[in-house]
Amino acid sequence: MPGFGCSFDPANDPPSITWYADLYYAAFSNMPEFGLGCHVLGHHSGGVIGTELAAKYQGFCRSLTSVGPTVMSVNDRQELSKTFLDPFNKPVPSGEHLIKTWEYLRWEGIPEKNMELMQREALDHIRAWKGRNQIYTCVWSYDCEKSMRLIEKGCKIMGLCAKDDVLWPYFENFKSVGRVVEAKEIEGGNFGPDLDSEGILKAFVPFIESV
């Protein structure tokens, strides 16, 4: 469940994460393949969308897996928003935003030797300079902990996180949210789905097979 990148730029700023979750539900809920529900796997902002999808549409999600869960206090969300709501790469005539995007991704932890991932993420971030801020505004105002408690007990929940993920300091919050969850450590920093896809699959496949 990507929150930005190769997705789209809404004409108007979405009011909340619910807006994104509603789009997914409208797109998939009437398909016969989803008649028995689905297993949702979301990374960072995608995990936040998945949390709202599972909380609002009871019975639609048979399981929810968040790679880098965002279970944070209001103060912690406000603090992180100071870094991740900055429209640092808004297009400018000088092209300075292109270098800023490249440097941002190096800071985020993409290995310099992985030029394929760097190039792809650079193109995605440059294209999504507006959509990134749109969804991040919704992410930092969303209470994942509250929503997780609303998810029906029949929907199993798992969180995966790497020690060098920006959200690792808050992983304990996910584990102690007040309901049964599975929590596993992976690798790959902020780019687990690319840098540790095997680790994610090793955790995810047995998890959904047990549902």
Protein backbone atom coordinates (compact mmCIF):
# COMPACT_ATOMS: atom_id res chain seq x y z
CA MET A 1 0.00 0.00 0.00
CA PRO A 2 2.09 2.95 -1.20
CA GLY A 3 1.19 6.34 0.17
CA PHE A 4 3.02 8.32 -2.49
CA GLY A 5 5.66 7.87 -5.17
CA CYS A 6 4.17 6.29 -8.25
CA SER A 7 0.62 6.91 -7.04
CA PHE A 8 -1.05 10.27 -7.56
CA ASP A 9 -1.50 13.88 -6.42
CA PRO A 10 -5.04 14.65 -5.22
CA ALA A 11 -6.28 17.97 -6.59
CA ASN A 12 -7.24 19.06 -3.07
CA ASP A 13 -5.46 18.21 0.16
CA PRO A 14 -7.06 15.10 1.70
CA PRO A 15 -8.60 15.87 5.10
CA SER A 16 -7.41 12.70 6.84
CA ILE A 17 -6.04 9.17 6.47
CA THR A 18 -9.66 8.00 6.25
CA TRP A 19 -9.85 9.60 2.81
CA TYR A 20 -7.05 7.33 1.54
CA ALA A 21 -8.50 4.23 3.21
CA ASP A 22 -11.89 4.92 1.64
CA LEU A 23 -10.26 4.93 -1.81
CA TYR A 24 -8.77 1.49 -1.28
CA TYR A 25 -12.04 0.11 0.05
CA ALA A 26 -14.04 1.57 -2.85
CA ALA A 27 -11.55 0.16 -5.36
CA PHE A 28 -11.38 -3.40 -4.02
CA SER A 29 -14.36 -4.23 -1.83
CA ASN A 30 -16.71 -5.11 -4.69
CA MET A 31 -14.26 -7.44 -6.43
CA PRO A 32 -15.16 -11.14 -6.03
CA GLU A 33 -11.55 -11.89 -5.07
CA PHE A 34 -12.02 -9.79 -1.93
CA GLY A 35 -15.26 -11.46 -0.88
CA LEU A 36 -13.53 -13.32 1.93
CA GLY A 37 -11.43 -10.36 2.99
CA CYS A 38 -7.77 -9.64 2.42
CA HIS A 39 -4.35 -9.53 4.04
CA VAL A 40 -2.98 -5.98 4.19
CA LEU A 41 0.75 -5.26 4.15
CA GLY A 42 1.77 -1.60 4.39
CA HIS A 43 5.11 0.17 4.75
CA HIS A 44 5.28 3.40 6.80
CA SER A 45 2.45 5.62 5.48
CA GLY A 46 0.93 2.57 3.78
CA GLY A 47 0.76 0.89 7.18
CA VAL A 48 -1.15 3.87 8.55
CA ILE A 49 -3.65 3.62 5.69
CA GLY A 50 -3.96 -0.10 6.37
CA THR A 51 -4.63 0.53 10.06
CA GLU A 52 -7.52 2.84 9.23
CA LEU A 53 -8.83 0.39 6.63
CA ALA A 54 -8.91 -2.41 9.20
CA ALA A 55 -10.41 -0.21 11.92
CA LYS A 56 -13.15 1.35 9.80
CA TYR A 57 -14.17 -1.57 7.61
CA GLN A 58 -14.59 -4.41 10.09
CA GLY A 59 -14.28 -7.82 8.47
CA PHE A 60 -12.56 -6.57 5.32
CA CYS A 61 -9.01 -7.14 6.59
CA ARG A 62 -8.19 -10.64 7.79
CA SER A 63 -4.76 -9.49 8.88
CA LEU A 64 -2.74 -6.28 9.06
CA THR A 65 1.04 -6.12 8.79
CA SER A 66 2.82 -2.80 9.24
CA VAL A 67 6.45 -2.44 8.23
CA GLY A 68 7.59 0.41 10.44
CA PRO A 69 4.45 0.95 12.58
CA THR A 70 3.57 4.53 13.50
CA VAL A 71 2.26 4.12 17.05
CA MET A 72 3.33 7.41 18.60
CA SER A 73 2.19 10.02 21.09
CA VAL A 74 0.88 13.38 19.92
CA ASN A 75 4.13 15.05 20.99
CA ASP A 76 6.28 12.50 19.16
CA ARG A 77 4.24 12.90 16.00
CA GLN A 78 4.53 16.67 16.19
CA GLU A 79 8.29 16.40 16.66
CA LEU A 80 8.80 14.09 13.67
CA SER A 81 6.55 16.27 11.53
CA LYS A 82 9.12 19.07 11.86
CA THR A 83 11.49 16.94 9.79
CA PHE A 84 9.14 15.12 7.45
CA LEU A 85 6.65 17.88 6.62
CA ASP A 86 9.28 20.22 5.22
CA PRO A 87 8.58 20.63 1.46
CA PHE A 88 12.32 20.51 0.88
CA ASN A 89 12.16 19.47 -2.76
CA LYS A 90 9.49 21.75 -4.16
CA PRO A 91 10.53 22.39 -7.77
CA VAL A 92 12.59 25.55 -8.33
CA PRO A 93 14.01 26.96 -11.61
CA SER A 94 17.62 26.36 -10.53
CA GLY A 95 17.04 22.62 -10.18
CA GLU A 96 18.39 22.75 -6.64
CA HIS A 97 15.53 20.53 -5.51
CA LEU A 98 17.00 17.63 -7.49
CA ILE A 99 20.22 17.60 -5.46
CA LYS A 100 18.27 18.12 -2.23
CA THR A 101 16.22 15.02 -3.01
CA TRP A 102 19.35 12.95 -3.67
CA GLU A 103 20.96 14.11 -0.42
CA TYR A 104 17.75 13.44 1.51
CA LEU A 105 17.69 9.84 0.31
CA ARG A 106 21.33 9.37 1.30
CA TRP A 107 20.41 10.69 4.75
CA GLU A 108 17.46 8.25 4.84
CA GLY A 109 19.92 5.40 4.52
CA ILE A 110 19.98 4.12 0.94
CA PRO A 111 23.43 2.51 0.43
CA GLU A 112 25.55 4.44 -2.05
CA LYS A 113 26.33 1.22 -3.91
CA ASN A 114 22.62 0.60 -4.56
CA MET A 115 22.20 3.00 -7.47
CA GLU A 116 19.14 1.20 -8.81
CA LEU A 117 17.18 1.84 -5.61
CA MET A 118 18.59 5.35 -5.29
CA GLN A 119 17.53 6.26 -8.84
CA ARG A 120 14.03 4.84 -8.41
CA GLU A 121 13.44 6.53 -5.07
CA ALA A 122 14.84 9.82 -6.37
CA LEU A 123 12.41 9.80 -9.30
CA ASP A 124 9.51 8.87 -7.00
CA HIS A 125 10.33 11.57 -4.44
CA ILE A 126 10.86 14.25 -7.10
CA ARG A 127 7.55 13.41 -8.72
CA ALA A 128 5.75 13.19 -5.38
CA TRP A 129 6.99 16.40 -3.77
CA LYS A 130 3.36 17.49 -3.30
CA GLY A 131 1.71 14.11 -2.63
CA ARG A 132 4.34 13.31 -0.01
CA ASN A 133 3.37 16.32 2.06
CA GLN A 134 -0.33 15.64 1.55
CA ILE A 135 -0.21 12.19 3.08
CA TYR A 136 2.40 13.02 5.72
CA THR A 137 0.13 15.79 6.99
CA CYS A 138 -2.53 13.12 7.52
CA VAL A 139 -0.07 10.61 9.00
CA TRP A 140 1.17 12.95 11.73
CA SER A 141 -2.36 13.81 12.80
CA TYR A 142 -3.47 10.15 12.97
CA ASP A 143 -3.69 8.21 16.23
CA CYS A 144 -2.64 4.67 15.27
CA GLU A 145 -2.86 3.42 18.84
CA LYS A 146 -6.50 4.43 19.17
CA SER A 147 -7.39 2.89 15.82
CA MET A 148 -5.57 -0.38 16.54
CA ARG A 149 -7.77 -0.86 19.59
CA LEU A 150 -10.84 -0.56 17.35
CA ILE A 151 -9.74 -3.35 15.01
CA GLU A 152 -11.77 -6.50 15.58
CA LYS A 153 -9.99 -9.33 17.36
CA GLY A 154 -10.45 -11.60 14.33
CA CYS A 155 -7.99 -9.45 12.40
CA LYS A 156 -4.47 -10.47 13.38
CA ILE A 157 -1.85 -7.73 13.58
CA MET A 158 1.90 -7.89 13.05
CA GLY A 159 4.57 -5.21 13.12
CA LEU A 160 7.99 -5.44 11.49
CA CYS A 161 10.75 -2.91 12.06
CA ALA A 162 14.50 -2.51 11.58
CA LYS A 163 16.74 -1.04 14.24
CA ASP A 164 17.89 1.66 11.82
CA ASP A 165 14.35 2.56 10.75
CA VAL A 166 13.40 6.10 11.79
CA LEU A 167 10.38 4.58 13.57
CA TRP A 168 12.35 2.01 15.62
CA PRO A 169 12.33 4.21 18.78
CA TYR A 170 8.52 3.84 18.83
CA PHE A 171 8.34 0.09 18.14
CA GLU A 172 7.78 -0.69 21.83
CA ASN A 173 4.62 1.45 21.67
CA PHE A 174 3.28 -0.91 19.01
CA LYS A 175 3.99 -3.95 21.19
CA SER A 176 2.16 -2.50 24.20
CA VAL A 177 -0.87 -1.05 22.44
CA GLY A 178 -3.32 -3.06 24.53
CA ARG A 179 -4.13 -6.00 22.29
CA VAL A 180 -2.34 -9.11 21.08
CA VAL A 181 0.14 -8.38 18.29
CA GLU A 182 3.14 -10.10 16.78
CA ALA A 183 6.35 -8.09 16.51
CA LYS A 184 9.52 -9.05 14.67
CA GLU A 185 12.79 -7.34 13.87
CA ILE A 186 13.88 -7.08 10.25
CA GLU A 187 16.74 -5.32 8.46
CA GLY A 188 16.87 -2.66 5.78
CA GLY A 189 16.42 0.57 7.72
CA ASN A 190 13.76 2.81 6.18
CA PHE A 191 13.70 0.68 3.03
CA GLY A 192 12.91 -2.76 4.41
CA PRO A 193 10.68 -3.88 1.50
CA ASP A 194 13.63 -3.40 -0.86
CA LEU A 195 16.63 -4.17 1.32
CA ASP A 196 15.17 -7.06 3.35
CA SER A 197 12.35 -8.47 1.25
CA GLU A 198 13.38 -12.00 2.25
CA GLY A 199 13.14 -11.14 5.94
CA ILE A 200 9.68 -9.67 5.44
CA LEU A 201 8.46 -12.69 3.49
CA LYS A 202 9.89 -15.05 6.09
CA ALA A 203 7.72 -13.35 8.71
CA PHE A 204 4.69 -12.50 6.56
CA VAL A 205 3.93 -15.81 4.82
CA PRO A 206 3.66 -17.97 7.99
CA PHE A 207 1.73 -15.16 9.64
CA ILE A 208 -1.05 -15.03 7.04
CA GLU A 209 -1.08 -18.82 6.70
CA SER A 210 -1.98 -19.02 10.38
CA VAL A 211 -5.09 -16.85 9.93
